[in-house]
Amino acid sequence: MQFLYVSRGSLYELETQLYIAKELNFISDNQEIEDLISEIGKMLNSMIQKLKLKNSNH
């Protein structure tokens, strides 16, 4: 479970770095990357919730 929390934190760090890079014009706007970050975030959140539910039922 801890691995999923660390993964989610790393994903949020990546999202922040992407935002900063765009603001500083190091990269151009890339909706595909933002969509992937969002999709992966949803997957991680879903996995965390399912494991929490599973652990609370035992």
Protein backbone atom coordinates (compact mmCIF):
# COMPACT_ATOMS: atom_id res chain seq x y z
CA MET A 1 0.00 0.00 0.00
CA GLN A 2 2.83 2.40 0.86
CA PHE A 3 4.25 1.90 -2.63
CA LEU A 4 1.00 3.22 -4.12
CA TYR A 5 1.13 6.34 -1.94
CA VAL A 6 4.73 6.99 -2.97
CA SER A 7 3.80 6.43 -6.62
CA ARG A 8 0.95 8.91 -6.36
CA GLY A 9 3.23 11.46 -4.71
CA SER A 10 5.76 11.01 -7.51
CA LEU A 11 3.02 11.50 -10.07
CA TYR A 12 2.00 14.78 -8.41
CA GLU A 13 5.65 15.87 -8.43
CA LEU A 14 5.83 15.13 -12.15
CA GLU A 15 2.66 17.13 -12.72
CA THR A 16 4.19 20.09 -10.85
CA GLN A 17 7.45 19.88 -12.79
CA LEU A 18 5.52 19.74 -16.07
CA TYR A 19 3.59 22.87 -15.07
CA ILE A 20 6.79 24.71 -14.15
CA ALA A 21 8.51 23.67 -17.39
CA LYS A 22 5.56 25.00 -19.41
CA GLU A 23 5.48 28.28 -17.46
CA LEU A 24 9.20 28.79 -18.13
CA ASN A 25 8.71 27.91 -21.83
CA PHE A 26 11.08 24.95 -21.59
CA ILE A 27 8.40 22.80 -23.24
CA SER A 28 5.27 23.45 -25.24
CA ASP A 29 1.79 22.58 -24.04
CA ASN A 30 1.28 18.85 -24.38
CA GLN A 31 -2.27 17.69 -23.66
CA GLU A 32 -1.34 14.05 -24.21
CA ILE A 33 1.06 14.07 -21.25
CA GLU A 34 -1.51 15.81 -19.06
CA ASP A 35 -4.13 13.24 -20.05
CA LEU A 36 -1.76 10.39 -19.20
CA ILE A 37 -0.97 11.90 -15.81
CA SER A 38 -4.68 12.21 -15.10
CA GLU A 39 -5.38 8.64 -16.23
CA ILE A 40 -2.55 7.20 -14.13
CA GLY A 41 -3.72 9.24 -11.13
CA LYS A 42 -7.20 7.76 -11.47
CA MET A 43 -5.74 4.25 -11.67
CA LEU A 44 -3.61 4.77 -8.58
CA ASN A 45 -6.50 6.26 -6.61
CA SER A 46 -8.73 3.35 -7.61
CA MET A 47 -6.13 0.80 -6.53
CA ILE A 48 -5.64 2.58 -3.20
CA GLN A 49 -9.39 2.68 -2.53
CA LYS A 50 -9.85 -0.99 -3.41
CA LEU A 51 -7.00 -2.05 -1.14
CA LYS A 52 -8.35 0.11 1.70
CA LEU A 53 -11.76 -1.50 1.30
CA LYS A 54 -10.25 -4.98 1.16
CA ASN A 55 -8.17 -4.33 4.28
CA SER A 56 -11.13 -2.90 6.21
CA ASN A 57 -13.20 -6.03 5.51
CA HIS A 58 -10.69 -8.29 7.28
